[in-house]
N, C-alpha and C. Protein backbone atom coordinates (compact mmCIF):
# COMPACT_ATOMS: atom_id res chain seq x y z
N MET A 1 70.72 102.26 89.78
CA MET A 1 71.51 103.28 89.15
C MET A 1 72.04 102.71 87.83
N GLN A 2 71.88 103.43 86.75
CA GLN A 2 72.34 103.00 85.43
C GLN A 2 73.37 104.00 84.91
N PHE A 3 74.41 103.49 84.28
CA PHE A 3 75.40 104.32 83.62
C PHE A 3 75.32 104.04 82.14
N GLU A 4 75.44 105.08 81.35
CA GLU A 4 75.50 104.89 79.92
C GLU A 4 76.80 105.50 79.43
N ARG A 5 77.64 104.69 78.81
CA ARG A 5 78.91 105.17 78.32
C ARG A 5 78.69 105.73 76.92
N THR A 6 78.98 107.03 76.76
CA THR A 6 78.81 107.65 75.46
C THR A 6 80.14 107.85 74.75
N ALA A 7 81.20 107.96 75.51
CA ALA A 7 82.52 108.10 74.92
C ALA A 7 83.56 107.88 76.01
N ILE A 8 84.71 107.38 75.66
CA ILE A 8 85.79 107.25 76.63
C ILE A 8 87.10 107.67 75.97
N GLY A 9 88.01 108.10 76.79
CA GLY A 9 89.34 108.47 76.31
C GLY A 9 90.35 107.48 76.82
N GLU A 10 91.58 107.61 76.39
CA GLU A 10 92.63 106.68 76.81
C GLU A 10 92.93 106.80 78.30
N HIS A 11 92.58 107.94 78.89
CA HIS A 11 92.87 108.14 80.31
C HIS A 11 91.93 107.35 81.22
N LEU A 12 90.83 106.85 80.71
CA LEU A 12 89.86 106.13 81.53
C LEU A 12 90.29 104.68 81.70
N LEU A 13 90.69 104.34 82.91
CA LEU A 13 91.13 102.98 83.21
C LEU A 13 89.97 102.21 83.82
N LEU A 14 90.19 100.94 84.08
CA LEU A 14 89.15 100.08 84.67
C LEU A 14 88.54 100.75 85.89
N GLY A 15 87.26 101.00 85.82
CA GLY A 15 86.56 101.58 86.95
C GLY A 15 86.52 103.09 86.90
N GLY A 16 87.64 103.73 86.78
CA GLY A 16 87.67 105.19 86.74
C GLY A 16 87.11 105.80 88.01
N ASP A 17 87.30 107.09 88.16
CA ASP A 17 86.83 107.79 89.34
C ASP A 17 85.31 107.76 89.47
N ASN A 18 84.61 107.86 88.34
CA ASN A 18 83.15 107.90 88.43
C ASN A 18 82.59 106.61 89.03
N LEU A 19 83.17 105.48 88.71
CA LEU A 19 82.68 104.22 89.29
C LEU A 19 83.17 104.04 90.72
N ASP A 20 84.33 104.60 91.05
CA ASP A 20 84.76 104.58 92.45
C ASP A 20 83.80 105.40 93.31
N PHE A 21 83.33 106.53 92.77
CA PHE A 21 82.34 107.34 93.49
C PHE A 21 81.03 106.56 93.64
N ALA A 22 80.64 105.82 92.62
CA ALA A 22 79.41 105.01 92.71
C ALA A 22 79.56 103.93 93.78
N LEU A 23 80.73 103.31 93.86
CA LEU A 23 80.97 102.32 94.92
C LEU A 23 80.91 102.98 96.29
N ALA A 24 81.51 104.16 96.42
CA ALA A 24 81.50 104.87 97.70
C ALA A 24 80.07 105.25 98.09
N ARG A 25 79.28 105.68 97.14
CA ARG A 25 77.88 106.01 97.43
C ARG A 25 77.12 104.77 97.90
N HIS A 26 77.38 103.65 97.24
CA HIS A 26 76.74 102.39 97.62
C HIS A 26 77.11 102.01 99.05
N VAL A 27 78.39 102.09 99.38
CA VAL A 27 78.85 101.74 100.73
C VAL A 27 78.29 102.72 101.76
N GLU A 28 78.23 104.00 101.40
CA GLU A 28 77.67 104.99 102.33
C GLU A 28 76.21 104.66 102.65
N LYS A 29 75.46 104.21 101.66
CA LYS A 29 74.07 103.80 101.91
C LYS A 29 74.00 102.61 102.84
N LYS A 30 74.99 101.70 102.73
CA LYS A 30 75.02 100.54 103.62
C LYS A 30 75.27 100.95 105.06
N LEU A 31 75.91 102.10 105.26
CA LEU A 31 76.18 102.60 106.61
C LEU A 31 74.95 103.25 107.23
N LYS A 32 73.86 103.31 106.48
CA LYS A 32 72.55 103.81 106.91
C LYS A 32 72.57 105.29 107.23
N ASP A 33 72.17 105.67 108.43
CA ASP A 33 71.93 107.08 108.77
C ASP A 33 73.18 107.82 109.26
N ILE A 34 74.32 107.41 108.81
CA ILE A 34 75.56 108.05 109.23
C ILE A 34 75.83 109.25 108.31
N LYS A 35 76.12 110.40 108.89
CA LYS A 35 76.45 111.60 108.13
C LYS A 35 77.97 111.72 108.07
N LEU A 36 78.55 111.51 106.89
CA LEU A 36 80.00 111.57 106.72
C LEU A 36 80.45 112.99 106.43
N THR A 37 81.63 113.32 106.94
CA THR A 37 82.25 114.60 106.61
C THR A 37 82.85 114.51 105.22
N LEU A 38 83.24 115.64 104.68
CA LEU A 38 83.88 115.64 103.37
C LEU A 38 85.17 114.81 103.38
N ARG A 39 85.93 114.92 104.46
CA ARG A 39 87.17 114.15 104.60
C ARG A 39 86.86 112.65 104.64
N GLN A 40 85.82 112.26 105.36
CA GLN A 40 85.44 110.86 105.43
C GLN A 40 84.95 110.35 104.07
N ARG A 41 84.25 111.17 103.33
CA ARG A 41 83.80 110.75 101.99
C ARG A 41 84.99 110.53 101.06
N TYR A 42 85.97 111.40 101.14
CA TYR A 42 87.18 111.22 100.33
C TYR A 42 87.88 109.92 100.72
N ALA A 43 88.01 109.68 102.03
CA ALA A 43 88.64 108.45 102.51
C ALA A 43 87.84 107.23 102.07
N LEU A 44 86.51 107.34 102.09
CA LEU A 44 85.66 106.23 101.67
C LEU A 44 85.87 105.91 100.19
N ARG A 45 85.97 106.94 99.35
CA ARG A 45 86.20 106.69 97.93
C ARG A 45 87.53 105.98 97.71
N ARG A 46 88.56 106.40 98.42
CA ARG A 46 89.87 105.75 98.29
C ARG A 46 89.81 104.31 98.79
N ALA A 47 89.10 104.08 99.90
CA ALA A 47 88.98 102.71 100.44
C ALA A 47 88.19 101.83 99.48
N CYS A 48 87.17 102.38 98.84
CA CYS A 48 86.38 101.61 97.87
C CYS A 48 87.22 101.28 96.64
N CYS A 49 88.04 102.22 96.21
CA CYS A 49 88.92 101.97 95.07
C CYS A 49 89.89 100.83 95.39
N ALA A 50 90.48 100.87 96.58
CA ALA A 50 91.41 99.81 96.98
C ALA A 50 90.69 98.47 97.09
N ALA A 51 89.48 98.48 97.66
CA ALA A 51 88.71 97.23 97.80
C ALA A 51 88.35 96.68 96.42
N LYS A 52 87.94 97.55 95.50
CA LYS A 52 87.61 97.13 94.14
C LYS A 52 88.82 96.45 93.48
N GLU A 53 89.98 97.08 93.61
CA GLU A 53 91.18 96.51 93.00
C GLU A 53 91.52 95.17 93.60
N GLN A 54 91.36 95.01 94.92
CA GLN A 54 91.61 93.72 95.57
C GLN A 54 90.64 92.66 95.06
N LEU A 55 89.37 93.01 95.04
CA LEU A 55 88.34 92.04 94.64
C LEU A 55 88.48 91.61 93.19
N LEU A 56 88.89 92.52 92.33
CA LEU A 56 88.98 92.19 90.91
C LEU A 56 90.32 91.58 90.52
N SER A 57 91.29 91.65 91.43
CA SER A 57 92.59 91.06 91.11
C SER A 57 92.81 89.70 91.76
N ASP A 58 91.96 89.34 92.72
CA ASP A 58 92.11 88.06 93.42
C ASP A 58 90.76 87.34 93.42
N SER A 59 90.61 86.36 92.56
CA SER A 59 89.32 85.68 92.42
C SER A 59 88.95 84.86 93.66
N ALA A 60 89.89 84.64 94.57
CA ALA A 60 89.59 83.91 95.80
C ALA A 60 88.85 84.78 96.82
N LEU A 61 88.97 86.10 96.68
CA LEU A 61 88.30 87.02 97.61
C LEU A 61 86.84 87.20 97.21
N GLU A 62 85.95 87.09 98.16
CA GLU A 62 84.53 87.34 97.92
C GLU A 62 84.09 88.66 98.52
N ARG A 63 84.81 89.11 99.55
CA ARG A 63 84.46 90.37 100.22
C ARG A 63 85.71 90.99 100.82
N VAL A 64 85.68 92.31 100.95
CA VAL A 64 86.79 93.06 101.54
C VAL A 64 86.20 94.09 102.49
N PRO A 65 86.74 94.22 103.69
CA PRO A 65 86.23 95.24 104.60
C PRO A 65 86.62 96.64 104.13
N VAL A 66 85.69 97.56 104.28
CA VAL A 66 85.93 98.98 103.96
C VAL A 66 85.70 99.74 105.25
N THR A 67 86.72 100.46 105.69
CA THR A 67 86.66 101.18 106.97
C THR A 67 86.94 102.65 106.75
N VAL A 68 86.16 103.49 107.42
CA VAL A 68 86.37 104.93 107.42
C VAL A 68 86.55 105.34 108.88
N LEU A 69 87.63 106.05 109.14
CA LEU A 69 87.89 106.50 110.51
C LEU A 69 86.89 107.55 110.94
N GLY A 70 86.67 107.63 112.26
CA GLY A 70 85.81 108.67 112.82
C GLY A 70 86.47 110.03 112.67
N SER A 71 85.87 111.03 113.25
CA SER A 71 86.44 112.37 113.15
C SER A 71 86.69 112.95 114.53
N GLY A 72 87.47 114.00 114.58
CA GLY A 72 87.77 114.68 115.84
C GLY A 72 88.52 113.78 116.80
N GLY A 73 88.11 113.80 118.06
CA GLY A 73 88.78 113.04 119.11
C GLY A 73 88.45 111.56 119.09
N ALA A 74 87.53 111.15 118.23
CA ALA A 74 87.10 109.75 118.19
C ALA A 74 87.49 109.10 116.87
N VAL A 75 88.72 109.34 116.44
CA VAL A 75 89.17 108.85 115.14
C VAL A 75 89.01 107.34 115.04
N VAL A 76 89.47 106.61 116.04
CA VAL A 76 89.39 105.16 116.00
C VAL A 76 88.09 104.66 116.61
N GLY A 77 87.68 105.26 117.71
CA GLY A 77 86.50 104.80 118.43
C GLY A 77 85.21 104.88 117.64
N GLN A 78 85.13 105.83 116.72
CA GLN A 78 83.92 105.97 115.91
C GLN A 78 84.16 105.54 114.46
N ALA A 79 85.12 104.66 114.26
CA ALA A 79 85.38 104.16 112.91
C ALA A 79 84.16 103.40 112.41
N LEU A 80 83.88 103.56 111.13
CA LEU A 80 82.75 102.89 110.49
C LEU A 80 83.28 101.83 109.56
N SER A 81 82.66 100.66 109.57
CA SER A 81 83.17 99.58 108.73
C SER A 81 82.02 98.73 108.20
N THR A 82 82.18 98.30 106.97
CA THR A 82 81.26 97.35 106.34
C THR A 82 82.05 96.60 105.28
N ASP A 83 81.47 95.57 104.73
CA ASP A 83 82.14 94.82 103.68
C ASP A 83 81.64 95.25 102.31
N LEU A 84 82.54 95.23 101.35
CA LEU A 84 82.19 95.40 99.94
C LEU A 84 82.43 94.04 99.30
N THR A 85 81.43 93.51 98.62
CA THR A 85 81.55 92.18 98.03
C THR A 85 81.86 92.26 96.54
N ARG A 86 82.40 91.18 96.02
CA ARG A 86 82.67 91.08 94.58
C ARG A 86 81.36 91.28 93.80
N GLU A 87 80.28 90.66 94.29
CA GLU A 87 78.99 90.77 93.61
C GLU A 87 78.51 92.22 93.55
N GLU A 88 78.68 92.97 94.63
CA GLU A 88 78.29 94.39 94.63
C GLU A 88 79.09 95.18 93.61
N VAL A 89 80.39 94.92 93.56
CA VAL A 89 81.24 95.62 92.58
C VAL A 89 80.78 95.30 91.17
N LEU A 90 80.53 94.03 90.88
CA LEU A 90 80.11 93.64 89.54
C LEU A 90 78.74 94.22 89.19
N GLN A 91 77.84 94.30 90.17
CA GLN A 91 76.53 94.88 89.91
C GLN A 91 76.65 96.37 89.58
N ILE A 92 77.47 97.08 90.33
CA ILE A 92 77.63 98.51 90.09
C ILE A 92 78.34 98.75 88.76
N PHE A 93 79.29 97.87 88.43
CA PHE A 93 80.01 98.02 87.15
C PHE A 93 79.13 97.62 85.98
N ASP A 94 78.10 96.82 86.23
CA ASP A 94 77.10 96.46 85.22
C ASP A 94 77.71 96.12 83.86
N GLY A 95 78.57 95.11 83.86
CA GLY A 95 79.13 94.65 82.59
C GLY A 95 80.36 95.38 82.10
N ARG A 96 80.88 96.32 82.87
CA ARG A 96 82.05 97.09 82.44
C ARG A 96 83.36 96.48 82.89
N VAL A 97 83.31 95.27 83.45
CA VAL A 97 84.52 94.59 83.93
C VAL A 97 84.90 93.54 82.91
N PRO A 98 86.15 93.53 82.48
CA PRO A 98 86.59 92.51 81.52
C PRO A 98 86.34 91.10 82.04
N ALA A 99 86.09 90.17 81.14
CA ALA A 99 85.72 88.81 81.51
C ALA A 99 86.74 88.13 82.42
N ASN A 100 88.03 88.45 82.29
CA ASN A 100 89.04 87.79 83.12
C ASN A 100 88.99 88.26 84.58
N HIS A 101 88.20 89.27 84.92
CA HIS A 101 88.06 89.74 86.30
C HIS A 101 86.77 89.27 86.94
N ARG A 102 85.94 88.56 86.21
CA ARG A 102 84.65 88.11 86.76
C ARG A 102 84.85 86.82 87.54
N ALA A 103 83.92 86.58 88.44
CA ALA A 103 84.00 85.38 89.29
C ALA A 103 83.87 84.12 88.48
């Protein structure tokens, strides 16, 4: 997946929503054949945003778990979890991370 930045405004902060969605899509693919609900996708994007911020603010962290709760009566029992690594974040950001946040 390639992103081309054509213009940015002052409102676009590190990562922005579009890159958080890209991280969430990447993590969803890692979960393989799991069909997420709209609510789970929203939760996944928020979890990916939090994981990204952790990974880029603490150089000692190499990976952070990302968990999405199940739905219905199996909220905890069907929770889905995988790790998001610093390397994955940097690959998806493809050079859009300031040098002081790189490993």
